[in-house]
Amino acid sequence: MRRERWISLSQIAETRLTVKKSVFIAEAGPLASAEEARIRMDEIRKRYPDATHHVYAWRVSREEIMQKYSDDKEPSGTAGLPVLDVLRKNGIEDAIVVVTRYFGGTQLGTGGLARAYGEVAAEAVREAVPCVFAAAARYEIRVEFPLFERLKYVLEKEGFPVDRVMYRDCPVIQILCPKNSEDRLAQICSDHTSGRSTPVFVEDAEMIVERVGETRNE
């Protein structure tokens, strides 16, 4: 069963934090699967091959929520779990946070480690812009050139964001249609093209409904 609404990250973001010469580099972003998580981890390990630790946490929701974290040889509970808690406390799904640490020579203690990992993870999540997503569908609409700009404007105004426009023998507008809005979409297309344009289903999709407020880290 498809989810109707959920919170996830809308982009990839990186932040840095230095604590007693230890440098923490956090990357947060959307995630589609456990396999993608493995790929992202491999990319970051190759990007920072001389780092001391690569800590991560991710959550993916399909039929149920799957989640995983790793302390990567930091003391148990001081690294991966604080990062995972940032995702859990903010209700964020389909997302990953990886924190790379370069040890600065001074021990931070278990409390200091947990605070540093949690803080840099929360900042990366904020920069990745948490949003409410909703189930949607992608449709294509072929429209004659004289009617193109007007129909595109009306679709955007009525809550059907334009995903892309392709130019073939005539413009083809790809839009995102919120769940249960298919009839209204068809009516708008008919009304503004004198019945000459009909939306054609392409695939299931998702769309951003709104941004989420302040990210929690406590």
Protein backbone atom coordinates (compact mmCIF):
# COMPACT_ATOMS: atom_id res chain seq x y z
CA MET A 1 0.00 0.00 0.00
CA ARG A 2 1.39 3.41 -0.98
CA ARG A 3 1.92 5.98 1.73
CA GLU A 4 -0.16 9.12 1.41
CA ARG A 5 2.18 11.51 3.25
CA TRP A 6 5.62 11.31 4.82
CA ILE A 7 8.59 13.50 5.77
CA SER A 8 11.89 13.21 3.93
CA LEU A 9 14.80 15.34 2.71
CA SER A 10 14.53 17.31 -0.51
CA GLN A 11 18.23 17.61 -1.38
CA ILE A 12 21.76 16.54 -0.45
CA ALA A 13 23.63 18.83 1.95
CA GLU A 14 27.00 18.80 3.70
CA THR A 15 28.02 20.53 6.94
CA ARG A 16 31.17 20.58 9.07
CA LEU A 17 31.92 20.88 12.76
CA THR A 18 35.28 21.13 14.52
CA VAL A 19 35.55 20.10 18.18
CA LYS A 20 39.01 20.10 19.83
CA LYS A 21 40.64 19.71 16.41
CA SER A 22 38.47 16.73 15.47
CA VAL A 23 36.67 17.53 12.21
CA PHE A 24 33.18 16.09 11.65
CA ILE A 25 31.81 16.19 8.07
CA ALA A 26 28.13 15.29 7.75
CA GLU A 27 26.27 14.59 4.53
CA ALA A 28 22.48 14.18 4.60
CA GLY A 29 20.13 13.46 1.73
CA PRO A 30 17.20 11.47 0.35
CA LEU A 31 17.49 7.69 0.05
CA ALA A 32 15.51 5.17 -1.98
CA SER A 33 16.78 1.81 -0.73
CA ALA A 34 19.26 -0.12 1.39
CA GLU A 35 21.27 -0.82 -1.76
CA GLU A 36 21.55 2.90 -2.46
CA ALA A 37 22.77 3.38 1.12
CA ARG A 38 25.64 0.98 0.45
CA ILE A 39 26.53 2.85 -2.73
CA ARG A 40 26.49 6.22 -0.96
CA MET A 41 28.70 4.86 1.82
CA ASP A 42 31.22 3.55 -0.71
CA GLU A 43 31.30 6.95 -2.43
CA ILE A 44 31.98 8.79 0.82
CA ARG A 45 34.68 6.34 1.91
CA LYS A 46 36.42 6.93 -1.43
CA ARG A 47 36.01 10.70 -1.05
CA TYR A 48 37.64 10.68 2.41
CA PRO A 49 39.88 7.58 2.35
CA ASP A 50 42.14 8.78 5.19
CA ALA A 51 39.32 9.58 7.66
CA THR A 52 39.30 7.95 11.10
CA HIS A 53 35.61 6.99 11.12
CA HIS A 54 32.64 6.88 8.73
CA VAL A 55 29.52 6.79 10.92
CA TYR A 56 26.09 6.48 9.32
CA ALA A 57 22.38 6.09 9.94
CA TRP A 58 19.52 5.63 7.49
CA ARG A 59 15.79 4.96 7.40
CA VAL A 60 13.76 3.62 4.47
CA SER A 61 9.99 3.09 4.54
CA ARG A 62 8.13 0.74 2.24
CA GLU A 63 5.73 -1.80 3.77
CA GLU A 64 7.46 -1.05 7.08
CA ILE A 65 10.32 1.16 8.25
CA MET A 66 13.81 -0.31 7.88
CA GLN A 67 16.62 1.45 9.67
CA LYS A 68 20.29 0.86 10.31
CA TYR A 69 23.22 2.64 11.91
CA SER A 70 26.92 2.08 12.51
CA ASP A 71 29.34 3.50 15.10
CA ASP A 72 32.28 2.45 12.89
CA LYS A 73 34.53 1.62 15.87
CA GLU A 74 33.53 4.64 17.96
CA PRO A 75 32.39 3.67 21.50
CA SER A 76 29.01 1.93 21.35
CA GLY A 77 26.07 4.33 21.34
CA THR A 78 28.15 7.50 20.89
CA ALA A 79 28.00 7.94 17.13
CA GLY A 80 25.53 6.08 14.91
CA LEU A 81 22.69 6.15 17.43
CA PRO A 82 22.76 9.96 17.96
CA VAL A 83 22.71 10.35 14.17
CA LEU A 84 19.78 7.93 13.84
CA ASP A 85 17.96 9.79 16.62
CA VAL A 86 18.02 12.98 14.54
CA LEU A 87 16.08 11.17 11.81
CA ARG A 88 13.71 9.39 14.22
CA LYS A 89 12.86 12.41 16.40
CA ASN A 90 11.99 14.42 13.30
CA GLY A 91 9.96 11.60 11.74
CA ILE A 92 12.20 11.56 8.67
CA GLU A 93 12.03 8.56 6.32
CA ASP A 94 13.82 7.64 3.10
CA ALA A 95 16.96 9.48 4.19
CA ILE A 96 20.59 8.86 5.09
CA VAL A 97 23.14 10.78 7.15
CA VAL A 98 26.84 9.94 6.99
CA VAL A 99 29.29 11.60 9.38
CA THR A 100 32.99 11.36 8.58
CA ARG A 101 35.40 12.11 11.41
CA TYR A 102 39.05 13.10 11.32
CA PHE A 103 40.44 12.56 14.81
CA GLY A 104 42.19 15.66 16.14
CA GLY A 105 44.29 14.03 18.83
CA THR A 106 42.12 14.84 21.86
CA GLN A 107 39.60 12.39 23.31
CA LEU A 108 36.11 13.91 23.52
CA GLY A 109 34.59 11.40 25.95
CA THR A 110 31.34 9.55 25.35
CA GLY A 111 29.16 12.58 26.06
CA GLY A 112 31.25 14.86 23.87
CA LEU A 113 31.19 12.38 21.01
CA ALA A 114 27.42 11.93 21.16
CA ARG A 115 26.88 15.71 21.22
CA ALA A 116 29.22 16.31 18.29
CA TYR A 117 27.73 13.58 16.10
CA GLY A 118 24.18 14.64 16.95
CA GLU A 119 24.88 18.33 16.37
CA VAL A 120 26.57 17.99 12.99
CA ALA A 121 23.94 15.47 11.83
CA ALA A 122 21.10 17.81 12.82
CA GLU A 123 22.71 20.71 10.96
CA ALA A 124 23.14 18.61 7.81
CA VAL A 125 19.50 17.52 8.01
CA ARG A 126 18.41 21.17 8.35
CA GLU A 127 20.45 22.10 5.27
CA ALA A 128 18.95 19.18 3.33
CA VAL A 129 15.52 20.83 3.83
CA PRO A 130 13.04 18.39 5.41
CA CYS A 131 9.70 18.50 3.58
CA VAL A 132 6.33 16.81 3.69
CA PHE A 133 5.95 14.62 0.61
CA ALA A 134 2.70 13.22 -0.77
CA ALA A 135 1.82 10.38 -3.10
CA ALA A 136 1.18 11.67 -6.61
CA ALA A 137 1.17 10.63 -10.25
CA ARG A 138 3.09 11.96 -13.23
CA TYR A 139 1.01 12.86 -16.30
CA GLU A 140 1.89 14.06 -19.79
CA ILE A 141 -0.23 16.61 -21.61
CA ARG A 142 0.24 17.38 -25.31
CA VAL A 143 -0.87 20.91 -26.08
CA GLU A 144 -0.91 23.13 -29.16
CA PHE A 145 1.64 25.96 -29.20
CA PRO A 146 -0.90 28.83 -28.98
CA LEU A 147 -2.41 27.29 -25.82
CA PHE A 148 0.83 26.18 -24.18
CA GLU A 149 1.76 29.16 -21.97
CA ARG A 150 -1.79 29.67 -20.71
CA LEU A 151 -2.31 26.00 -19.81
CA LYS A 152 1.10 25.80 -18.12
CA TYR A 153 0.27 28.87 -16.02
CA VAL A 154 -3.15 27.54 -14.99
CA LEU A 155 -1.79 24.11 -14.06
CA GLU A 156 0.85 25.63 -11.76
CA LYS A 157 -1.69 27.99 -10.23
CA GLU A 158 -4.15 25.15 -9.54
CA GLY A 159 -1.59 23.01 -7.69
CA PHE A 160 -0.25 20.79 -10.49
CA PRO A 161 3.51 21.54 -10.52
CA VAL A 162 5.19 21.29 -13.91
CA ASP A 163 7.99 18.72 -13.71
CA ARG A 164 9.39 19.28 -17.19
CA VAL A 165 8.46 20.46 -20.67
CA MET A 166 9.47 18.60 -23.84
CA TYR A 167 9.22 20.02 -27.35
CA ARG A 168 8.28 17.56 -30.07
CA ASP A 169 5.81 18.28 -32.87
CA CYS A 170 4.06 20.26 -30.12
CA PRO A 171 4.88 21.01 -26.46
CA VAL A 172 4.44 18.12 -24.01
CA ILE A 173 3.99 19.16 -20.38
CA GLN A 174 4.85 16.69 -17.63
CA ILE A 175 3.06 17.53 -14.39
CA LEU A 176 2.66 16.06 -10.92
CA CYS A 177 -0.92 15.34 -9.94
CA PRO A 178 -1.86 15.01 -6.25
CA LYS A 179 -3.71 11.87 -5.25
CA ASN A 180 -7.47 11.97 -5.98
CA SER A 181 -7.10 15.06 -8.21
CA GLU A 182 -7.16 13.26 -11.57
CA ASP A 183 -10.69 14.35 -12.49
CA ARG A 184 -9.95 18.00 -11.72
CA LEU A 185 -6.79 17.80 -13.83
CA ALA A 186 -8.74 16.39 -16.78
CA GLN A 187 -11.37 19.12 -16.42
CA ILE A 188 -8.77 21.91 -16.37
CA CYS A 189 -7.09 20.55 -19.49
CA SER A 190 -10.42 20.26 -21.28
CA ASP A 191 -11.61 23.72 -20.25
CA HIS A 192 -8.45 25.51 -21.36
CA THR A 193 -7.89 23.68 -24.65
CA SER A 194 -11.50 23.32 -25.81
CA GLY A 195 -11.23 19.59 -25.21
CA ARG A 196 -8.15 19.12 -27.41
CA SER A 197 -5.71 18.12 -24.64
CA THR A 198 -6.10 15.10 -22.36
CA PRO A 199 -3.71 14.14 -19.53
CA VAL A 200 -2.07 10.72 -19.98
CA PHE A 201 -0.80 8.78 -16.96
CA VAL A 202 2.95 8.08 -17.01
CA GLU A 203 3.89 6.64 -13.60
CA ASP A 204 3.42 6.88 -9.87
CA ALA A 205 5.43 9.70 -8.33
CA GLU A 206 5.73 11.91 -5.27
CA MET A 207 5.59 15.64 -4.71
CA ILE A 208 6.59 18.17 -2.07
CA VAL A 209 3.64 19.59 -0.16
CA GLU A 210 5.40 21.89 2.32
CA ARG A 211 8.61 22.49 4.20
CA VAL A 212 8.95 21.25 7.77
CA GLY A 213 9.82 23.57 10.65
CA GLU A 214 12.86 23.49 12.93
CA THR A 215 14.87 20.27 13.11
CA ARG A 216 15.01 18.69 16.57
CA ASN A 217 18.16 17.34 18.19
CA GLU A 218 17.28 16.64 21.83
